[in-house]
Amino acid sequence: MFLSRWFKDYYKNAEAAIRAQLKFKHKTITEPVDQILTFHPPDKRRRDSDNYLKAVNDALTHADVVEDDSIFRDRLTRWREPVENGRVDVVLGQIKFNAKEVEDDDGMGNN
């Protein structure tokens, strides 16, 4: 697969950002897991959510957070208001997907 210079830089920077946020030595997740992705884009332009989903999951794989992006069982993707430089919040685990909780919760029990 050919990756442009931009994508190579993206993966390198994303992997560095992911590793910097892991405050402990982690084991690569190999078992099925649920995922909540909350996107905070850098501006209000329209975006193709499939491309963003793929980029985030590829970055999680490149950073050895997950063995392969095929392990995700249930997934919730949310879009929120733009923030400077953009941000993606990722929650992985065994998550209860209740419609009301999903609307108000970050997936970790924090409202």
Foldseek 3Di string as FASTA:
>chain_A
DDDDPVLVVLLVVLLVVVVVPPPDDDAQAEAAKEKEKEKAAQADDDDDVVVVVVSNQVSCCVNRNYVHSVRYDHYHYHYDYHDHPIDMDMDMHHFDDDPVCVVPHPRPPDD
